[in-house]
């Protein structure tokens, strides 16, 4: 079985994921508003 090493996410990666989720939520809210 292959062992997968887990490393913590960097601050840059967490910032990028946060920005992605904020943009996705913003677009979803806009779509609901336009219905």
N, C-alpha and C. Protein backbone atom coordinates (compact mmCIF):
# COMPACT_ATOMS: atom_id res chain seq x y z
N UNK A 1 0.84 -1.17 0.00
CA UNK A 1 0.00 0.00 0.00
C UNK A 1 0.89 1.25 0.00
N UNK A 2 0.52 2.23 -0.76
CA UNK A 2 1.30 3.45 -0.86
C UNK A 2 1.01 4.37 0.31
N UNK A 3 2.07 4.90 0.90
CA UNK A 3 1.91 5.82 2.02
C UNK A 3 1.87 7.25 1.48
N UNK A 4 0.87 8.00 1.89
CA UNK A 4 0.73 9.38 1.47
C UNK A 4 1.12 10.28 2.63
N UNK A 5 2.09 11.14 2.38
CA UNK A 5 2.53 12.06 3.43
C UNK A 5 1.64 13.29 3.41
N UNK A 6 1.14 13.64 4.57
CA UNK A 6 0.28 14.81 4.69
C UNK A 6 1.11 15.99 5.16
N UNK A 7 1.02 17.08 4.39
CA UNK A 7 1.71 18.30 4.80
C UNK A 7 0.66 19.40 4.95
N UNK A 8 0.83 20.27 5.93
CA UNK A 8 -0.15 21.34 6.12
C UNK A 8 -0.13 22.33 4.95
N UNK A 9 -1.29 22.91 4.70
CA UNK A 9 -1.40 23.91 3.62
C UNK A 9 -0.66 25.18 4.03
N UNK A 10 -0.09 25.84 3.06
CA UNK A 10 0.60 27.10 3.33
C UNK A 10 -0.42 28.23 3.40
N UNK A 11 0.01 29.36 3.94
CA UNK A 11 -0.88 30.52 4.02
C UNK A 11 -1.32 30.96 2.63
N UNK A 12 -0.43 30.84 1.64
CA UNK A 12 -0.77 31.23 0.27
C UNK A 12 -1.87 30.32 -0.29
N UNK A 13 -1.74 29.01 -0.06
CA UNK A 13 -2.75 28.06 -0.54
C UNK A 13 -4.09 28.31 0.13
N UNK A 14 -4.07 28.56 1.43
CA UNK A 14 -5.32 28.84 2.14
C UNK A 14 -5.96 30.13 1.64
N UNK A 15 -5.14 31.13 1.34
CA UNK A 15 -5.66 32.38 0.80
C UNK A 15 -6.30 32.19 -0.56
N UNK A 16 -5.68 31.37 -1.40
CA UNK A 16 -6.24 31.10 -2.73
C UNK A 16 -7.55 30.33 -2.63
N UNK A 17 -7.61 29.35 -1.73
CA UNK A 17 -8.86 28.59 -1.55
C UNK A 17 -9.96 29.49 -1.01
N UNK A 18 -9.62 30.40 -0.10
CA UNK A 18 -10.60 31.33 0.45
C UNK A 18 -11.14 32.24 -0.65
N UNK A 19 -10.24 32.75 -1.50
CA UNK A 19 -10.67 33.62 -2.60
C UNK A 19 -11.57 32.87 -3.58
N UNK A 20 -11.24 31.60 -3.84
CA UNK A 20 -12.06 30.79 -4.75
C UNK A 20 -13.47 30.61 -4.19
N UNK A 21 -13.56 30.25 -2.91
CA UNK A 21 -14.88 30.03 -2.31
C UNK A 21 -15.68 31.31 -2.22
N UNK A 22 -15.01 32.43 -1.93
CA UNK A 22 -15.73 33.71 -1.89
C UNK A 22 -16.30 34.05 -3.26
N UNK A 23 -15.52 33.84 -4.32
CA UNK A 23 -15.99 34.13 -5.67
C UNK A 23 -17.14 33.21 -6.05
N UNK A 24 -17.04 31.92 -5.70
CA UNK A 24 -18.10 30.97 -6.02
C UNK A 24 -19.39 31.34 -5.29
N UNK A 25 -19.29 31.72 -4.03
CA UNK A 25 -20.47 32.10 -3.26
C UNK A 25 -21.09 33.38 -3.81
N UNK A 26 -20.25 34.32 -4.23
CA UNK A 26 -20.73 35.57 -4.81
C UNK A 26 -21.54 35.29 -6.07
N UNK A 27 -21.00 34.43 -6.95
CA UNK A 27 -21.70 34.10 -8.19
C UNK A 27 -23.01 33.37 -7.91
N UNK A 28 -23.01 32.48 -6.94
CA UNK A 28 -24.23 31.75 -6.59
C UNK A 28 -25.30 32.71 -6.07
N UNK A 29 -24.90 33.65 -5.24
CA UNK A 29 -25.85 34.62 -4.70
C UNK A 29 -26.42 35.49 -5.82
N UNK A 30 -25.58 35.87 -6.78
CA UNK A 30 -26.05 36.68 -7.92
C UNK A 30 -27.05 35.90 -8.76
N UNK A 31 -26.79 34.61 -8.97
CA UNK A 31 -27.71 33.79 -9.75
C UNK A 31 -29.06 33.69 -9.06
N UNK A 32 -29.06 33.51 -7.75
CA UNK A 32 -30.33 33.44 -7.01
C UNK A 32 -31.06 34.77 -7.08
N UNK A 33 -30.33 35.87 -7.01
CA UNK A 33 -30.94 37.19 -7.07
C UNK A 33 -31.63 37.41 -8.41
N UNK A 34 -31.04 36.90 -9.48
CA UNK A 34 -31.58 37.13 -10.82
C UNK A 34 -32.76 36.23 -11.17
N UNK A 35 -33.03 35.24 -10.34
CA UNK A 35 -34.16 34.34 -10.65
C UNK A 35 -35.49 35.03 -10.50
